[in-house]
Amino acid sequence: MTFLKKIKFFFAIVTLVFISQKSYSQAAKVSISQDPKFEQLLNEKRKINSSITINDRYKIQIFNGDTENSKKALLDFKRENKNIDATIVFSTPLYKVWVGNYKTRIEAEKNLNDLKKKYPNAFLIKPNK
């Protein structure tokens, strides 16, 4: 009886060794194919992210009101000032048109004086986002 147990144990060990030698695992080879347009989109995203408002930036609010008039104010501003960023921000219940992205208060106040000629209700803000 012990002889039979030893034979079973021996065959079990041989079977385990044989199975472990024949098992295959995944290869550590990775291949990535990337569309060239992806890099272009990533660069555009980086440009957009760099222009997003940062806490230490100043902006000028030129309009505060309903949707239709805020869109008109934004389009008028963009037509006249193509090199200055402008956006509409919704703050319940009104829409606000914010322009510029100034690092220093002095720079923002200089542009505020120029904008007050066309937009007399314009004022300087420092949004906290």
C-alpha atoms as a PDB file:
ATOM      1  CA  MET A   1       0.000   0.000   0.000  1.00  0.00           C
ATOM      2  CA  THR A   2       2.772   2.433   0.740  1.00  0.00           C
ATOM      3  CA  PHE A   3       4.381   1.440  -2.545  1.00  0.00           C
ATOM      4  CA  LEU A   4       1.194   2.418  -4.383  1.00  0.00           C
ATOM      5  CA  LYS A   5       1.116   5.796  -2.607  1.00  0.00           C
ATOM      6  CA  LYS A   6       4.750   6.399  -3.571  1.00  0.00           C
ATOM      7  CA  ILE A   7       3.995   5.657  -7.247  1.00  0.00           C
ATOM      8  CA  LYS A   8       0.984   7.999  -7.226  1.00  0.00           C
ATOM      9  CA  PHE A   9       3.066  10.700  -5.571  1.00  0.00           C
ATOM     10  CA  PHE A  10       5.873  10.181  -8.121  1.00  0.00           C
ATOM     11  CA  PHE A  11       3.476  10.444 -11.082  1.00  0.00           C
ATOM     12  CA  ALA A  12       1.871  13.534  -9.568  1.00  0.00           C
ATOM     13  CA  ILE A  13       5.280  15.222  -9.246  1.00  0.00           C
ATOM     14  CA  VAL A  14       6.300  14.232 -12.781  1.00  0.00           C
ATOM     15  CA  THR A  15       2.969  15.513 -14.147  1.00  0.00           C
ATOM     16  CA  LEU A  16       3.341  18.863 -12.349  1.00  0.00           C
ATOM     17  CA  VAL A  17       6.902  19.289 -13.619  1.00  0.00           C
ATOM     18  CA  PHE A  18       5.832  18.423 -17.150  1.00  0.00           C
ATOM     19  CA  ILE A  19       2.884  20.860 -17.072  1.00  0.00           C
ATOM     20  CA  SER A  20       4.981  23.664 -15.638  1.00  0.00           C
ATOM     21  CA  GLN A  21       7.564  23.222 -18.394  1.00  0.00           C
ATOM     22  CA  LYS A  22       4.907  23.371 -21.120  1.00  0.00           C
ATOM     23  CA  SER A  23       3.011  26.413 -19.804  1.00  0.00           C
ATOM     24  CA  TYR A  24       3.493  29.630 -21.705  1.00  0.00           C
ATOM     25  CA  SER A  25       3.086  33.093 -20.275  1.00  0.00           C
ATOM     26  CA  GLN A  26       2.543  36.387 -22.064  1.00  0.00           C
ATOM     27  CA  ALA A  27       5.514  37.969 -23.741  1.00  0.00           C
ATOM     28  CA  ALA A  28       6.666  41.365 -22.428  1.00  0.00           C
ATOM     29  CA  LYS A  29       6.699  42.833 -25.907  1.00  0.00           C
ATOM     30  CA  VAL A  30       4.492  45.927 -26.384  1.00  0.00           C
ATOM     31  CA  SER A  31       3.866  47.597 -29.695  1.00  0.00           C
ATOM     32  CA  ILE A  32       2.043  50.940 -29.956  1.00  0.00           C
ATOM     33  CA  SER A  33       0.852  52.398 -33.217  1.00  0.00           C
ATOM     34  CA  GLN A  34      -0.249  56.002 -32.916  1.00  0.00           C
ATOM     35  CA  ASP A  35      -2.089  58.129 -35.428  1.00  0.00           C
ATOM     36  CA  PRO A  36       0.035  61.182 -36.367  1.00  0.00           C
ATOM     37  CA  LYS A  37      -3.017  63.428 -35.922  1.00  0.00           C
ATOM     38  CA  PHE A  38      -3.026  62.539 -32.226  1.00  0.00           C
ATOM     39  CA  GLU A  39       0.161  64.535 -31.641  1.00  0.00           C
ATOM     40  CA  GLN A  40      -1.364  67.546 -33.414  1.00  0.00           C
ATOM     41  CA  LEU A  41      -4.477  67.350 -31.226  1.00  0.00           C
ATOM     42  CA  LEU A  42      -2.333  67.039 -28.121  1.00  0.00           C
ATOM     43  CA  ASN A  43      -0.398  70.189 -29.070  1.00  0.00           C
ATOM     44  CA  GLU A  44      -3.662  72.076 -29.618  1.00  0.00           C
ATOM     45  CA  LYS A  45      -4.898  70.918 -26.200  1.00  0.00           C
ATOM     46  CA  ARG A  46      -1.682  72.170 -24.600  1.00  0.00           C
ATOM     47  CA  LYS A  47      -2.181  75.594 -26.213  1.00  0.00           C
ATOM     48  CA  ILE A  48      -5.759  75.785 -24.941  1.00  0.00           C
ATOM     49  CA  ASN A  49      -4.782  74.697 -21.443  1.00  0.00           C
ATOM     50  CA  SER A  50      -2.118  77.377 -21.238  1.00  0.00           C
ATOM     51  CA  SER A  51      -4.737  80.068 -21.867  1.00  0.00           C
ATOM     52  CA  ILE A  52      -7.148  78.840 -19.177  1.00  0.00           C
ATOM     53  CA  THR A  53      -7.669  81.191 -16.278  1.00  0.00           C
ATOM     54  CA  ILE A  54      -5.224  80.868 -13.420  1.00  0.00           C
ATOM     55  CA  ASN A  55      -5.973  82.279  -9.959  1.00  0.00           C
ATOM     56  CA  ASP A  56      -3.366  85.022 -10.218  1.00  0.00           C
ATOM     57  CA  ARG A  57      -4.686  86.410 -13.531  1.00  0.00           C
ATOM     58  CA  TYR A  58      -6.847  89.490 -14.054  1.00  0.00           C
ATOM     59  CA  LYS A  59      -9.723  89.898 -16.489  1.00  0.00           C
ATOM     60  CA  ILE A  60     -12.024  92.716 -17.530  1.00  0.00           C
ATOM     61  CA  GLN A  61     -15.782  92.261 -17.473  1.00  0.00           C
ATOM     62  CA  ILE A  62     -17.386  94.278 -20.271  1.00  0.00           C
ATOM     63  CA  PHE A  63     -20.964  92.971 -20.143  1.00  0.00           C
ATOM     64  CA  ASN A  64     -23.420  91.450 -17.695  1.00  0.00           C
ATOM     65  CA  GLY A  65     -26.894  90.384 -18.836  1.00  0.00           C
ATOM     66  CA  ASP A  66     -28.988  87.885 -20.798  1.00  0.00           C
ATOM     67  CA  THR A  67     -27.777  85.272 -23.291  1.00  0.00           C
ATOM     68  CA  GLU A  68     -28.618  87.076 -26.540  1.00  0.00           C
ATOM     69  CA  ASN A  69     -27.033  90.398 -25.587  1.00  0.00           C
ATOM     70  CA  SER A  70     -23.950  88.702 -24.135  1.00  0.00           C
ATOM     71  CA  LYS A  71     -23.397  86.859 -27.415  1.00  0.00           C
ATOM     72  CA  LYS A  72     -23.754  90.132 -29.318  1.00  0.00           C
ATOM     73  CA  ALA A  73     -21.305  91.874 -26.981  1.00  0.00           C
ATOM     74  CA  LEU A  74     -18.813  89.023 -27.384  1.00  0.00           C
ATOM     75  CA  LEU A  75     -19.045  89.063 -31.190  1.00  0.00           C
ATOM     76  CA  ASP A  76     -18.687  92.855 -31.307  1.00  0.00           C
ATOM     77  CA  PHE A  77     -15.653  92.713 -29.051  1.00  0.00           C
ATOM     78  CA  LYS A  78     -13.986  89.919 -31.033  1.00  0.00           C
ATOM     79  CA  ARG A  79     -14.583  91.787 -34.286  1.00  0.00           C
ATOM     80  CA  GLU A  80     -12.759  94.852 -32.975  1.00  0.00           C
ATOM     81  CA  ASN A  81     -10.093  93.111 -30.839  1.00  0.00           C
ATOM     82  CA  LYS A  82      -8.907  89.958 -32.555  1.00  0.00           C
ATOM     83  CA  ASN A  83      -5.741  89.612 -30.472  1.00  0.00           C
ATOM     84  CA  ILE A  84      -7.458  89.653 -27.025  1.00  0.00           C
ATOM     85  CA  ASP A  85      -9.081  86.530 -25.553  1.00  0.00           C
ATOM     86  CA  ALA A  86     -12.779  86.827 -24.722  1.00  0.00           C
ATOM     87  CA  THR A  87     -15.316  84.413 -23.296  1.00  0.00           C
ATOM     88  CA  ILE A  88     -18.838  84.189 -21.898  1.00  0.00           C
ATOM     89  CA  VAL A  89     -19.221  82.937 -18.340  1.00  0.00           C
ATOM     90  CA  PHE A  90     -22.556  81.935 -16.813  1.00  0.00           C
ATOM     91  CA  SER A  91     -23.130  82.956 -13.233  1.00  0.00           C
ATOM     92  CA  THR A  92     -26.710  82.401 -12.122  1.00  0.00           C
ATOM     93  CA  PRO A  93     -28.867  84.076 -13.424  1.00  0.00           C
ATOM     94  CA  LEU A  94     -26.710  86.255 -15.693  1.00  0.00           C
ATOM     95  CA  TYR A  95     -24.137  85.837 -18.432  1.00  0.00           C
ATOM     96  CA  LYS A  96     -20.887  87.770 -18.208  1.00  0.00           C
ATOM     97  CA  VAL A  97     -18.414  88.623 -20.949  1.00  0.00           C
ATOM     98  CA  TRP A  98     -14.832  88.494 -19.697  1.00  0.00           C
ATOM     99  CA  VAL A  99     -11.935  89.684 -21.820  1.00  0.00           C
ATOM    100  CA  GLY A 100      -8.178  89.514 -21.518  1.00  0.00           C
ATOM    101  CA  ASN A 101      -5.865  87.410 -19.419  1.00  0.00           C
ATOM    102  CA  TYR A 102      -3.469  89.741 -17.635  1.00  0.00           C
ATOM    103  CA  LYS A 103      -0.675  88.762 -15.263  1.00  0.00           C
ATOM    104  CA  THR A 104      -0.380  92.130 -13.538  1.00  0.00           C
ATOM    105  CA  ARG A 105      -2.970  94.571 -12.301  1.00  0.00           C
ATOM    106  CA  ILE A 106      -1.146  97.470 -13.973  1.00  0.00           C
ATOM    107  CA  GLU A 107      -1.392  95.813 -17.391  1.00  0.00           C
ATOM    108  CA  ALA A 108      -5.090  95.077 -16.834  1.00  0.00           C
ATOM    109  CA  GLU A 109      -5.849  98.650 -15.694  1.00  0.00           C
ATOM    110  CA  LYS A 110      -4.109 100.070 -18.751  1.00  0.00           C
ATOM    111  CA  ASN A 111      -6.334  97.995 -21.046  1.00  0.00           C
ATOM    112  CA  LEU A 112      -9.373  98.772 -18.874  1.00  0.00           C
ATOM    113  CA  ASN A 113      -8.917 102.495 -19.547  1.00  0.00           C
ATOM    114  CA  ASP A 114      -8.845 101.807 -23.299  1.00  0.00           C
ATOM    115  CA  LEU A 115     -11.935  99.573 -23.132  1.00  0.00           C
ATOM    116  CA  LYS A 116     -13.967 102.026 -21.029  1.00  0.00           C
ATOM    117  CA  LYS A 117     -14.200 104.305 -24.086  1.00  0.00           C
ATOM    118  CA  LYS A 118     -16.319 101.694 -25.868  1.00  0.00           C
ATOM    119  CA  TYR A 119     -17.727  99.846 -22.809  1.00  0.00           C
ATOM    120  CA  PRO A 120     -18.354 102.408 -20.027  1.00  0.00           C
ATOM    121  CA  ASN A 121     -19.555  99.737 -17.552  1.00  0.00           C
ATOM    122  CA  ALA A 122     -16.361  97.679 -17.871  1.00  0.00           C
ATOM    123  CA  PHE A 123     -14.491  96.854 -14.681  1.00  0.00           C
ATOM    124  CA  LEU A 124     -11.517  94.813 -13.505  1.00  0.00           C
ATOM    125  CA  ILE A 125     -11.993  91.374 -11.913  1.00  0.00           C
ATOM    126  CA  LYS A 126      -9.803  88.635 -10.531  1.00  0.00           C
ATOM    127  CA  PRO A 127     -11.800  85.400 -10.918  1.00  0.00           C
ATOM    128  CA  ASN A 128     -11.187  82.582  -8.456  1.00  0.00           C
ATOM    129  CA  LYS A 129     -11.434  79.254 -10.273  1.00  0.00           C
END
